Amino acid sequence: MSLIKTMLEKERSRNEYMREYYRNQIAALPKGSVVAKKAGNNIYYYLQYRNGPKVLSDYIGKESEKVDRVREQTTKRKHFEAMLSKLNKENTEIQKTLEVIK
């Protein structure tokens, strides 16, 4: 087996491990984004997300640590989704290169 092919096989293995890691992380985090709605003098926060064609809102509460935690989690999820997208593109390139080498 050539050195390049061996390196690509290792990279494919690492890529698959990382994609599985990100999938698990994404599954554990809430999807959607935090939305503020004002009612009277108060501001209430909701987690808004899609479920098929419907947009759903789950009440989080007034400004608190919980709102900050949910914001942080949704930001982390978006970051993980971006990383997973990059890994998927990288995996496609690895697969194409391996096919050419074979």
N, C-alpha and C. Protein backbone atom coordinates (compact mmCIF):
# COMPACT_ATOMS: atom_id res chain seq x y z
N MET A 1 0.85 -1.18 0.00
CA MET A 1 0.00 0.00 0.00
C MET A 1 0.89 1.24 0.00
N SER A 2 0.56 2.20 -0.79
CA SER A 2 1.40 3.39 -0.89
C SER A 2 1.24 4.27 0.35
N LEU A 3 2.20 5.10 0.57
CA LEU A 3 2.21 6.00 1.71
C LEU A 3 1.02 6.96 1.66
N ILE A 4 0.72 7.48 0.50
CA ILE A 4 -0.40 8.42 0.35
C ILE A 4 -1.72 7.73 0.65
N LYS A 5 -1.88 6.53 0.15
CA LYS A 5 -3.11 5.79 0.40
C LYS A 5 -3.27 5.49 1.89
N THR A 6 -2.18 5.12 2.55
CA THR A 6 -2.21 4.86 3.99
C THR A 6 -2.60 6.12 4.76
N MET A 7 -2.04 7.24 4.38
CA MET A 7 -2.38 8.50 5.03
C MET A 7 -3.85 8.86 4.82
N LEU A 8 -4.33 8.64 3.61
CA LEU A 8 -5.74 8.93 3.33
C LEU A 8 -6.68 8.01 4.10
N GLU A 9 -6.30 6.76 4.26
CA GLU A 9 -7.11 5.82 5.04
C GLU A 9 -7.18 6.25 6.50
N LYS A 10 -6.04 6.68 7.05
CA LYS A 10 -6.02 7.17 8.43
C LYS A 10 -6.87 8.44 8.56
N GLU A 11 -6.76 9.29 7.58
CA GLU A 11 -7.54 10.53 7.59
C GLU A 11 -9.03 10.24 7.48
N ARG A 12 -9.39 9.27 6.67
CA ARG A 12 -10.79 8.87 6.55
C ARG A 12 -11.31 8.33 7.88
N SER A 13 -10.50 7.56 8.56
CA SER A 13 -10.87 7.01 9.86
C SER A 13 -11.05 8.14 10.89
N ARG A 14 -10.12 9.08 10.91
CA ARG A 14 -10.22 10.22 11.83
C ARG A 14 -11.45 11.05 11.51
N ASN A 15 -11.68 11.25 10.22
CA ASN A 15 -12.83 12.03 9.77
C ASN A 15 -14.14 11.38 10.23
N GLU A 16 -14.26 10.09 10.09
CA GLU A 16 -15.48 9.38 10.49
C GLU A 16 -15.68 9.48 12.01
N TYR A 17 -14.59 9.34 12.77
CA TYR A 17 -14.66 9.47 14.22
C TYR A 17 -15.18 10.86 14.61
N MET A 18 -14.62 11.89 13.98
CA MET A 18 -15.01 13.26 14.30
C MET A 18 -16.45 13.55 13.87
N ARG A 19 -16.85 13.01 12.72
CA ARG A 19 -18.25 13.21 12.29
C ARG A 19 -19.21 12.57 13.27
N GLU A 20 -18.89 11.39 13.77
CA GLU A 20 -19.75 10.72 14.75
C GLU A 20 -19.79 11.52 16.06
N TYR A 21 -18.64 12.04 16.46
CA TYR A 21 -18.56 12.86 17.67
C TYR A 21 -19.47 14.09 17.54
N TYR A 22 -19.37 14.79 16.42
CA TYR A 22 -20.20 15.99 16.22
C TYR A 22 -21.68 15.64 16.12
N ARG A 23 -22.01 14.53 15.48
CA ARG A 23 -23.42 14.11 15.42
C ARG A 23 -23.98 13.89 16.82
N ASN A 24 -23.21 13.24 17.68
CA ASN A 24 -23.65 12.99 19.05
C ASN A 24 -23.79 14.29 19.84
N GLN A 25 -22.85 15.20 19.65
CA GLN A 25 -22.93 16.49 20.33
C GLN A 25 -24.15 17.29 19.87
N ILE A 26 -24.41 17.30 18.57
CA ILE A 26 -25.55 18.02 18.02
C ILE A 26 -26.86 17.44 18.55
N ALA A 27 -26.94 16.13 18.63
CA ALA A 27 -28.16 15.49 19.11
C ALA A 27 -28.47 15.85 20.56
N ALA A 28 -27.43 16.15 21.34
CA ALA A 28 -27.62 16.46 22.76
C ALA A 28 -27.96 17.93 23.01
N LEU A 29 -27.82 18.77 22.00
CA LEU A 29 -28.05 20.20 22.18
C LEU A 29 -29.38 20.62 21.56
N PRO A 30 -30.00 21.68 22.11
CA PRO A 30 -31.27 22.15 21.55
C PRO A 30 -31.07 22.82 20.20
N LYS A 31 -32.05 22.59 19.30
CA LYS A 31 -31.98 23.26 18.00
C LYS A 31 -32.81 24.53 18.06
N GLY A 32 -32.55 25.43 17.13
CA GLY A 32 -33.30 26.67 17.07
C GLY A 32 -32.48 27.83 17.59
N SER A 33 -33.20 28.89 17.97
CA SER A 33 -32.54 30.07 18.51
C SER A 33 -33.41 30.72 19.57
N VAL A 34 -32.77 31.53 20.39
CA VAL A 34 -33.46 32.22 21.47
C VAL A 34 -34.08 33.50 20.91
N VAL A 35 -35.38 33.69 21.20
CA VAL A 35 -36.12 34.85 20.72
C VAL A 35 -36.70 35.58 21.93
N ALA A 36 -36.59 36.91 21.92
CA ALA A 36 -37.14 37.73 22.99
C ALA A 36 -38.47 38.33 22.53
N LYS A 37 -39.47 38.25 23.40
CA LYS A 37 -40.77 38.85 23.11
C LYS A 37 -41.13 39.76 24.28
N LYS A 38 -41.58 40.97 23.94
CA LYS A 38 -41.91 41.93 24.97
C LYS A 38 -43.42 41.93 25.19
N ALA A 39 -43.82 41.87 26.47
CA ALA A 39 -45.23 41.94 26.86
C ALA A 39 -45.31 42.93 28.02
N GLY A 40 -45.89 44.08 27.77
CA GLY A 40 -45.93 45.12 28.80
C GLY A 40 -44.52 45.63 29.03
N ASN A 41 -44.12 45.64 30.28
CA ASN A 41 -42.77 46.09 30.63
C ASN A 41 -41.79 44.94 30.77
N ASN A 42 -42.25 43.73 30.52
CA ASN A 42 -41.42 42.55 30.71
C ASN A 42 -40.97 41.97 29.37
N ILE A 43 -39.82 41.33 29.41
CA ILE A 43 -39.29 40.63 28.24
C ILE A 43 -39.24 39.15 28.59
N TYR A 44 -39.81 38.33 27.73
CA TYR A 44 -39.85 36.89 27.93
C TYR A 44 -39.05 36.23 26.81
N TYR A 45 -38.38 35.15 27.14
CA TYR A 45 -37.51 34.48 26.18
C TYR A 45 -38.04 33.10 25.83
N TYR A 46 -37.94 32.78 24.53
CA TYR A 46 -38.43 31.51 24.00
C TYR A 46 -37.36 30.87 23.15
N LEU A 47 -37.35 29.55 23.13
CA LEU A 47 -36.52 28.80 22.20
C LEU A 47 -37.40 28.50 21.01
N GLN A 48 -37.05 29.05 19.86
CA GLN A 48 -37.86 28.88 18.66
C GLN A 48 -37.14 27.96 17.68
N TYR A 49 -37.87 26.96 17.17
CA TYR A 49 -37.28 25.97 16.28
C TYR A 49 -38.34 25.40 15.35
N ARG A 50 -37.90 24.74 14.30
CA ARG A 50 -38.80 24.12 13.34
C ARG A 50 -39.00 22.65 13.66
N ASN A 51 -40.24 22.21 13.46
CA ASN A 51 -40.57 20.79 13.52
C ASN A 51 -41.37 20.52 12.26
N GLY A 52 -40.66 20.10 11.20
CA GLY A 52 -41.31 19.97 9.89
C GLY A 52 -41.63 21.37 9.38
N PRO A 53 -42.86 21.59 8.92
CA PRO A 53 -43.23 22.91 8.41
C PRO A 53 -43.61 23.91 9.52
N LYS A 54 -43.78 23.41 10.74
CA LYS A 54 -44.23 24.26 11.84
C LYS A 54 -43.06 24.90 12.57
N VAL A 55 -43.28 26.13 13.02
CA VAL A 55 -42.32 26.80 13.88
C VAL A 55 -42.88 26.74 15.30
N LEU A 56 -42.12 26.14 16.20
CA LEU A 56 -42.56 25.97 17.58
C LEU A 56 -41.74 26.86 18.51
N SER A 57 -42.36 27.27 19.62
CA SER A 57 -41.68 28.08 20.62
C SER A 57 -41.85 27.43 21.98
N ASP A 58 -40.74 27.24 22.68
CA ASP A 58 -40.76 26.74 24.04
C ASP A 58 -40.33 27.87 24.98
N TYR A 59 -41.14 28.12 25.99
CA TYR A 59 -40.84 29.18 26.94
C TYR A 59 -39.61 28.84 27.76
N ILE A 60 -38.68 29.79 27.85
CA ILE A 60 -37.48 29.62 28.66
C ILE A 60 -37.64 30.37 29.98
N GLY A 61 -38.07 31.62 29.92
CA GLY A 61 -38.25 32.42 31.12
C GLY A 61 -37.80 33.84 30.88
N LYS A 62 -37.74 34.60 31.97
CA LYS A 62 -37.20 35.95 31.89
C LYS A 62 -35.68 35.86 31.89
N GLU A 63 -35.03 37.00 31.73
CA GLU A 63 -33.57 37.02 31.70
C GLU A 63 -33.01 36.33 32.94
N SER A 64 -32.26 35.28 32.72
CA SER A 64 -31.70 34.51 33.82
C SER A 64 -30.52 33.70 33.31
N GLU A 65 -29.95 32.92 34.20
CA GLU A 65 -28.85 32.04 33.81
C GLU A 65 -29.32 31.00 32.81
N LYS A 66 -30.57 30.57 32.95
CA LYS A 66 -31.11 29.56 32.05
C LYS A 66 -31.14 30.08 30.61
N VAL A 67 -31.53 31.34 30.42
CA VAL A 67 -31.55 31.93 29.08
C VAL A 67 -30.14 31.97 28.52
N ASP A 68 -29.18 32.39 29.33
CA ASP A 68 -27.79 32.44 28.87
C ASP A 68 -27.27 31.05 28.51
N ARG A 69 -27.64 30.05 29.31
CA ARG A 69 -27.21 28.67 29.05
C ARG A 69 -27.78 28.17 27.73
N VAL A 70 -29.08 28.45 27.48
CA VAL A 70 -29.71 27.99 26.23
C VAL A 70 -29.08 28.71 25.05
N ARG A 71 -28.80 30.00 25.20
CA ARG A 71 -28.13 30.75 24.12
C ARG A 71 -26.78 30.13 23.80
N GLU A 72 -26.03 29.82 24.85
CA GLU A 72 -24.72 29.21 24.67
C GLU A 72 -24.83 27.85 23.97
N GLN A 73 -25.82 27.07 24.37
CA GLN A 73 -26.01 25.75 23.76
C GLN A 73 -26.40 25.86 22.29
N THR A 74 -27.27 26.80 21.95
CA THR A 74 -27.66 26.93 20.54
C THR A 74 -26.49 27.44 19.69
N THR A 75 -25.67 28.31 20.27
CA THR A 75 -24.48 28.78 19.56
C THR A 75 -23.50 27.63 19.35
N LYS A 76 -23.32 26.81 20.38
CA LYS A 76 -22.43 25.65 20.28
C LYS A 76 -22.94 24.68 19.22
N ARG A 77 -24.26 24.46 19.18
CA ARG A 77 -24.85 23.56 18.18
C ARG A 77 -24.57 24.06 16.77
N LYS A 78 -24.74 25.36 16.55
CA LYS A 78 -24.49 25.93 15.22
C LYS A 78 -23.03 25.75 14.82
N HIS A 79 -22.13 25.92 15.79
CA HIS A 79 -20.71 25.71 15.52
C HIS A 79 -20.44 24.25 15.15
N PHE A 80 -21.02 23.32 15.91
CA PHE A 80 -20.83 21.90 15.62
C PHE A 80 -21.42 21.53 14.26
N GLU A 81 -22.56 22.11 13.90
CA GLU A 81 -23.16 21.85 12.59
C GLU A 81 -22.26 22.33 11.47
N ALA A 82 -21.63 23.49 11.66
CA ALA A 82 -20.70 24.01 10.65
C ALA A 82 -19.48 23.10 10.53
N MET A 83 -18.97 22.63 11.66
CA MET A 83 -17.82 21.72 11.63
C MET A 83 -18.19 20.40 10.95
N LEU A 84 -19.38 19.89 11.23
CA LEU A 84 -19.83 18.65 10.61
C LEU A 84 -19.96 18.82 9.10
N SER A 85 -20.45 19.96 8.67
CA SER A 85 -20.57 20.23 7.24
C SER A 85 -19.19 20.22 6.57
N LYS A 86 -18.22 20.84 7.21
CA LYS A 86 -16.86 20.85 6.67
C LYS A 86 -16.28 19.43 6.61
N LEU A 87 -16.53 18.65 7.65
CA LEU A 87 -16.03 17.27 7.67
C LEU A 87 -16.70 16.42 6.58
N ASN A 88 -17.98 16.66 6.32
CA ASN A 88 -18.67 15.93 5.25
C ASN A 88 -18.06 16.25 3.89
N LYS A 89 -17.74 17.52 3.65
CA LYS A 89 -17.09 17.90 2.40
C LYS A 89 -15.70 17.28 2.29
N GLU A 90 -14.99 17.30 3.41
CA GLU A 90 -13.65 16.70 3.45
C GLU A 90 -13.73 15.20 3.17
N ASN A 91 -14.73 14.54 3.74
CA ASN A 91 -14.91 13.11 3.52
C ASN A 91 -15.16 12.80 2.05
N THR A 92 -15.96 13.63 1.41
CA THR A 92 -16.22 13.45 -0.03
C THR A 92 -14.93 13.54 -0.83
N GLU A 93 -14.09 14.51 -0.49
CA GLU A 93 -12.81 14.67 -1.19
C GLU A 93 -11.90 13.46 -0.95
N ILE A 94 -11.88 12.97 0.27
CA ILE A 94 -11.06 11.80 0.60
C ILE A 94 -11.53 10.59 -0.20
N GLN A 95 -12.84 10.37 -0.24
CA GLN A 95 -13.40 9.23 -0.98
C GLN A 95 -13.04 9.32 -2.46
N LYS A 96 -13.18 10.49 -3.05
CA LYS A 96 -12.87 10.67 -4.46
C LYS A 96 -11.39 10.39 -4.72
N THR A 97 -10.53 10.89 -3.86
CA THR A 97 -9.09 10.69 -4.01
C THR A 97 -8.73 9.21 -3.88
N LEU A 98 -9.34 8.53 -2.91
CA LEU A 98 -9.08 7.10 -2.74
C LEU A 98 -9.53 6.30 -3.96
N GLU A 99 -10.64 6.69 -4.58
CA GLU A 99 -11.10 5.99 -5.78
C GLU A 99 -10.12 6.15 -6.93
N VAL A 100 -9.53 7.33 -7.03
CA VAL A 100 -8.56 7.57 -8.09
C VAL A 100 -7.30 6.75 -7.87
N ILE A 101 -6.89 6.63 -6.62
CA ILE A 101 -5.67 5.89 -6.28
C ILE A 101 -5.83 4.38 -6.53
N LYS A 102 -7.01 3.85 -6.28
CA LYS A 102 -7.25 2.39 -6.43
C LYS A 102 -7.13 1.99 -7.83
